[in-house]
């Protein structure tokens, strides 16, 4: 397995995967997302690998989607461009389902920022272990979009509607302790013990019956899945409608220009 943006360390039965764009705080661009999707496919037939630990190189897990190519003026004919974002949403839904349904037990070792799409990746994992210096947030509303890829529904199932509205509508960032209190992460670990703790968890589960563990993951995922298919059907159309407005373009430009956006609700 050769990747440009992933660093792989193998020590059966554990595979450790580090997002490796530290200069961009491991922001998720199409190439990195594609490599993660390819990894999930390649591991389907790998019986020796039972656990995958995801973490980030440098000081972030992932700062979210890479917005560096999203700036510029709104298109003169938005109706010709908006369908592109609907198709990207379809890819995002496929990515989420592929990652959360990996055959292996997956652990997110969150070593710093986990924002937006970076938090989405965390949510696909079976376990989320946070460093004491981890920071979580959903800044999408700051740039004129909402928490897509079916993640608003997933987050609501995970931490409840009230906390979901809080995090998404305010765009605020929370520390690891608050994330633990609301059920977003399973445990909080000192930074120097984060990866050790993730491996200890994997090794603890490795002593249990492998088939029973796999079946447990499938049953839990299946029980949590109802209505997510409805989101898959309607959300890409909602995103297309959003890109017919000026808000996402203004939000991206404001982010890139380091200024407050001037939304007009048009």
Protein backbone atom coordinates (compact mmCIF):
# COMPACT_ATOMS: atom_id res chain seq x y z
CA UNK A 1 0.00 0.00 0.00
CA UNK A 2 1.61 3.25 -1.17
CA UNK A 3 0.08 6.61 -0.33
CA UNK A 4 1.06 10.25 -0.69
CA UNK A 5 -0.94 11.71 2.20
CA UNK A 6 -1.11 8.75 4.59
CA UNK A 7 1.71 7.32 6.69
CA UNK A 8 1.17 3.65 7.51
CA UNK A 9 2.73 1.72 10.38
CA UNK A 10 1.87 -1.96 10.64
CA UNK A 11 2.24 -4.13 13.72
CA UNK A 12 -0.28 -6.94 13.37
CA UNK A 13 -3.05 -7.00 14.35
CA UNK A 14 -2.88 -3.15 14.46
CA UNK A 15 -2.49 -0.75 11.56
CA UNK A 16 -1.73 2.86 12.51
CA UNK A 17 -2.69 5.44 9.88
CA UNK A 18 -1.48 9.05 10.19
CA UNK A 19 -2.99 11.78 8.06
CA UNK A 20 0.11 13.41 6.63
CA UNK A 21 -0.50 16.99 5.45
CA UNK A 22 0.93 18.73 8.53
CA UNK A 23 1.58 21.97 6.64
CA UNK A 24 -2.20 22.20 6.06
CA UNK A 25 -3.14 20.85 9.53
CA UNK A 26 -4.12 17.64 7.74
CA UNK A 27 -6.99 19.35 5.96
CA UNK A 28 -8.96 16.87 3.87
CA UNK A 29 -8.57 17.49 0.15
CA UNK A 30 -9.99 15.18 -2.57
CA UNK A 31 -6.71 13.27 -2.88
CA UNK A 32 -6.49 12.54 0.85
CA UNK A 33 -10.16 11.51 0.97
CA UNK A 34 -9.54 9.24 -2.01
CA UNK A 35 -6.60 7.59 -0.27
CA UNK A 36 -8.67 6.93 2.84
CA UNK A 37 -11.40 5.40 0.70
CA UNK A 38 -8.84 3.24 -1.12
CA UNK A 39 -7.40 2.11 2.21
CA UNK A 40 -10.83 1.02 3.43
CA UNK A 41 -11.27 -1.03 0.25
CA UNK A 42 -7.83 -2.63 0.38
CA UNK A 43 -8.33 -3.72 4.00
CA UNK A 44 -11.54 -5.64 3.29
CA UNK A 45 -9.67 -8.85 2.52
CA UNK A 46 -6.90 -8.36 5.08
CA UNK A 47 -7.65 -10.95 7.74
CA UNK A 48 -4.46 -10.23 9.68
CA UNK A 49 -5.40 -6.61 10.35
CA UNK A 50 -8.09 -6.39 13.04
CA UNK A 51 -7.62 -2.80 14.23
CA UNK A 52 -6.96 0.53 12.54
CA UNK A 53 -5.88 3.56 14.57
CA UNK A 54 -6.31 6.93 12.84
CA UNK A 55 -4.34 9.96 13.99
CA UNK A 56 -2.79 13.10 12.53
CA UNK A 57 0.79 14.14 11.83
CA UNK A 58 1.94 17.29 13.57
CA UNK A 59 -0.33 19.31 15.83
CA UNK A 60 -3.73 18.42 14.39
CA UNK A 61 -5.89 15.41 13.75
CA UNK A 62 -7.54 17.29 10.89
CA UNK A 63 -8.62 20.92 10.62
CA UNK A 64 -11.45 19.91 8.27
CA UNK A 65 -12.08 20.32 4.57
CA UNK A 66 -9.42 22.13 2.57
CA UNK A 67 -11.02 25.41 1.48
CA UNK A 68 -7.98 26.74 -0.35
CA UNK A 69 -9.58 26.16 -3.76
CA UNK A 70 -13.08 27.34 -2.90
CA UNK A 71 -12.64 31.10 -3.10
CA UNK A 72 -13.49 33.48 -5.91
CA UNK A 73 -16.56 35.39 -7.03
CA UNK A 74 -19.94 33.66 -7.24
CA UNK A 75 -20.45 32.16 -10.69
CA UNK A 76 -22.49 34.14 -13.21
CA UNK A 77 -24.65 31.05 -13.76
CA UNK A 78 -24.89 29.26 -10.38
CA UNK A 79 -27.30 26.69 -11.80
CA UNK A 80 -24.47 25.34 -13.96
CA UNK A 81 -22.08 24.96 -11.02
CA UNK A 82 -24.37 23.90 -8.16
CA UNK A 83 -24.83 20.29 -9.40
CA UNK A 84 -21.08 19.75 -8.89
CA UNK A 85 -21.59 20.20 -5.16
CA UNK A 86 -24.51 17.77 -5.20
CA UNK A 87 -22.20 15.14 -6.73
CA UNK A 88 -19.53 15.91 -4.14
CA UNK A 89 -22.12 15.29 -1.44
CA UNK A 90 -22.87 11.88 -2.92
CA UNK A 91 -19.15 11.09 -2.66
CA UNK A 92 -19.12 12.34 0.94
CA UNK A 93 -21.98 10.02 1.88
CA UNK A 94 -20.21 7.08 0.25
CA UNK A 95 -17.00 7.99 2.09
CA UNK A 96 -18.75 8.06 5.47
CA UNK A 97 -20.45 4.73 4.94
CA UNK A 98 -17.26 3.07 3.71
CA UNK A 99 -15.21 4.30 6.67
CA UNK A 100 -17.73 3.47 9.38
CA UNK A 101 -18.35 -0.01 7.93
CA UNK A 102 -14.71 -1.08 7.74
CA UNK A 103 -14.28 -4.71 8.78
CA UNK A 104 -11.69 -3.70 11.38
CA UNK A 105 -12.31 -2.08 14.74
CA UNK A 106 -11.36 1.56 14.22
CA UNK A 107 -9.98 4.00 16.79
CA UNK A 108 -9.54 7.75 16.37
CA UNK A 109 -6.57 8.99 18.41
CA UNK A 110 -7.33 12.72 18.36
CA UNK A 111 -4.10 14.61 18.93
CA UNK A 112 -5.19 18.21 18.29
CA UNK A 113 -7.71 20.02 16.12
CA UNK A 114 -10.62 17.90 14.86
CA UNK A 115 -12.86 20.31 13.01
CA UNK A 116 -15.66 19.91 10.47
CA UNK A 117 -14.79 17.10 8.08
CA UNK A 118 -12.01 16.08 10.47
CA UNK A 119 -14.63 15.52 13.15
CA UNK A 120 -16.65 13.58 10.56
CA UNK A 121 -13.74 11.17 10.16
CA UNK A 122 -13.58 10.77 13.95
CA UNK A 123 -17.29 9.98 14.00
CA UNK A 124 -16.83 7.07 11.59
CA UNK A 125 -14.56 5.35 14.12
CA UNK A 126 -15.79 2.84 16.68
CA UNK A 127 -13.80 4.54 19.44
CA UNK A 128 -12.62 8.12 19.91
CA UNK A 129 -9.74 8.76 22.32
CA UNK A 130 -8.79 12.39 22.79
CA UNK A 131 -5.57 13.97 23.94
CA UNK A 132 -6.01 16.54 26.70
CA UNK A 133 -5.09 19.20 24.14
CA UNK A 134 -7.63 18.07 21.54
CA UNK A 135 -10.10 20.65 20.24
CA UNK A 136 -13.38 19.86 18.49
CA UNK A 137 -15.68 22.07 16.46
CA UNK A 138 -17.97 22.40 13.47
CA UNK A 139 -17.14 25.73 11.78
CA UNK A 140 -19.26 25.17 8.66
CA UNK A 141 -21.80 27.89 9.48
CA UNK A 142 -18.93 30.39 9.50
CA UNK A 143 -18.38 29.75 5.78
CA UNK A 144 -22.00 29.56 4.67
CA UNK A 145 -22.61 25.79 4.66
CA UNK A 146 -23.89 23.20 7.11
CA UNK A 147 -22.56 19.91 8.53
CA UNK A 148 -23.07 17.64 5.54
CA UNK A 149 -22.26 14.05 4.45
CA UNK A 150 -25.11 12.91 6.72
CA UNK A 151 -23.08 14.07 9.72
CA UNK A 152 -25.74 16.29 11.29
CA UNK A 153 -27.96 13.22 11.67
CA UNK A 154 -25.07 11.07 12.85
CA UNK A 155 -24.01 13.64 15.44
CA UNK A 156 -27.57 13.94 16.72
CA UNK A 157 -27.70 10.17 17.25
CA UNK A 158 -24.33 10.33 19.01
CA UNK A 159 -24.75 13.25 21.43
CA UNK A 160 -28.42 14.19 21.12
CA UNK A 161 -30.30 16.98 19.31
CA UNK A 162 -29.63 19.70 21.90
CA UNK A 163 -25.83 19.43 21.85
CA UNK A 164 -25.88 18.96 18.08
CA UNK A 165 -27.72 22.25 17.59
CA UNK A 166 -25.35 23.93 20.03
CA UNK A 167 -22.16 22.85 18.24
CA UNK A 168 -23.42 23.37 14.68
CA UNK A 169 -25.36 26.62 15.10
CA UNK A 170 -22.73 28.43 17.20
CA UNK A 171 -19.68 27.05 15.40
CA UNK A 172 -17.88 27.17 18.75
CA UNK A 173 -14.90 25.00 19.64
CA UNK A 174 -14.83 22.74 22.70
CA UNK A 175 -12.01 21.11 24.59
CA UNK A 176 -11.57 17.40 25.24
CA UNK A 177 -13.23 17.47 28.67
CA UNK A 178 -16.42 19.04 27.33
CA UNK A 179 -16.39 16.57 24.45
CA UNK A 180 -16.15 13.74 26.99
CA UNK A 181 -19.01 15.14 29.08
CA UNK A 182 -21.37 15.27 26.09
CA UNK A 183 -20.42 11.79 24.88
CA UNK A 184 -18.49 12.83 21.80
CA UNK A 185 -15.34 10.96 22.91
CA UNK A 186 -14.86 7.86 25.04
CA UNK A 187 -11.88 8.97 27.13
CA UNK A 188 -9.32 11.75 27.55
CA UNK A 189 -5.61 10.91 27.79
CA UNK A 190 -2.42 12.92 28.47
CA UNK A 191 -0.76 13.80 25.14
CA UNK A 192 2.31 11.66 25.75
CA UNK A 193 0.16 8.56 26.33
CA UNK A 194 -2.38 9.00 23.54
CA UNK A 195 -1.02 6.47 21.03
CA UNK A 196 -0.05 4.04 23.77
CA UNK A 197 -3.61 4.15 25.12
CA UNK A 198 -5.07 3.58 21.65
CA UNK A 199 -2.88 0.52 21.20
CA UNK A 200 -3.75 -0.75 24.68
CA UNK A 201 -7.44 -0.54 23.83
CA UNK A 202 -6.88 -2.46 20.59
CA UNK A 203 -4.86 -5.15 22.37
CA UNK A 204 -7.52 -5.45 25.08
CA UNK A 205 -10.20 -6.12 22.48
CA UNK A 206 -7.86 -8.43 20.56
CA UNK A 207 -8.10 -10.91 23.45
CA UNK A 208 -11.84 -11.30 22.84
CA UNK A 209 -13.56 -13.54 20.30
CA UNK A 210 -12.86 -11.99 16.85
CA UNK A 211 -16.10 -13.10 15.18
CA UNK A 212 -18.22 -11.88 18.08
CA UNK A 213 -16.47 -8.49 17.91
CA UNK A 214 -17.15 -8.21 14.15
CA UNK A 215 -20.79 -9.17 14.58
CA UNK A 216 -21.18 -6.66 17.42
CA UNK A 217 -19.89 -3.85 15.21
CA UNK A 218 -22.24 -4.81 12.38
CA UNK A 219 -25.29 -5.08 14.65
CA UNK A 220 -24.63 -1.74 16.37
CA UNK A 221 -24.03 -0.01 13.03
CA UNK A 222 -27.18 -1.54 11.56
CA UNK A 223 -29.26 -0.42 14.54
CA UNK A 224 -27.95 3.14 14.20
CA UNK A 225 -28.51 3.31 10.44
CA UNK A 226 -32.32 3.77 10.09
CA UNK A 227 -33.26 7.05 8.39
CA UNK A 228 -29.68 7.78 7.30
CA UNK A 229 -30.75 6.56 3.87
CA UNK A 230 -33.33 9.34 3.80
CA UNK A 231 -30.56 11.87 4.45
CA UNK A 232 -28.56 10.37 1.57
CA UNK A 233 -31.53 10.99 -0.73
CA UNK A 234 -32.38 14.57 0.26
CA UNK A 235 -29.15 16.20 1.51
CA UNK A 236 -27.30 16.43 -1.84
CA UNK A 237 -30.28 18.30 -3.28
CA UNK A 238 -30.26 20.65 -0.28
CA UNK A 239 -26.56 21.36 -0.82
CA UNK A 240 -27.19 22.07 -4.49
CA UNK A 241 -29.85 24.58 -3.46
CA UNK A 242 -27.38 26.17 -1.04
CA UNK A 243 -24.84 26.73 -3.81
CA UNK A 244 -27.46 28.55 -5.84
CA UNK A 245 -27.14 31.27 -3.19
CA UNK A 246 -24.21 33.60 -2.55
CA UNK A 247 -23.60 32.40 1.02
CA UNK A 248 -21.03 29.61 0.43
CA UNK A 249 -19.00 31.82 -1.91
CA UNK A 250 -18.99 34.72 0.54
CA UNK A 251 -18.13 32.39 3.41
CA UNK A 252 -15.18 30.83 1.60
CA UNK A 253 -13.83 34.21 0.48
CA UNK A 254 -14.12 35.63 4.00
CA UNK A 255 -12.25 32.63 5.40
CA UNK A 256 -9.45 32.92 2.87
CA UNK A 257 -9.24 36.71 3.34
CA UNK A 258 -9.34 36.39 7.14
CA UNK A 259 -12.33 38.68 7.60
CA UNK A 260 -15.88 38.38 8.88
CA UNK A 261 -18.36 37.21 6.24
CA UNK A 262 -21.13 39.52 5.07
CA UNK A 263 -24.07 37.17 4.61
CA UNK A 264 -27.19 38.56 2.93
CA UNK A 265 -29.56 35.56 3.13
CA UNK A 266 -29.85 35.57 -0.67
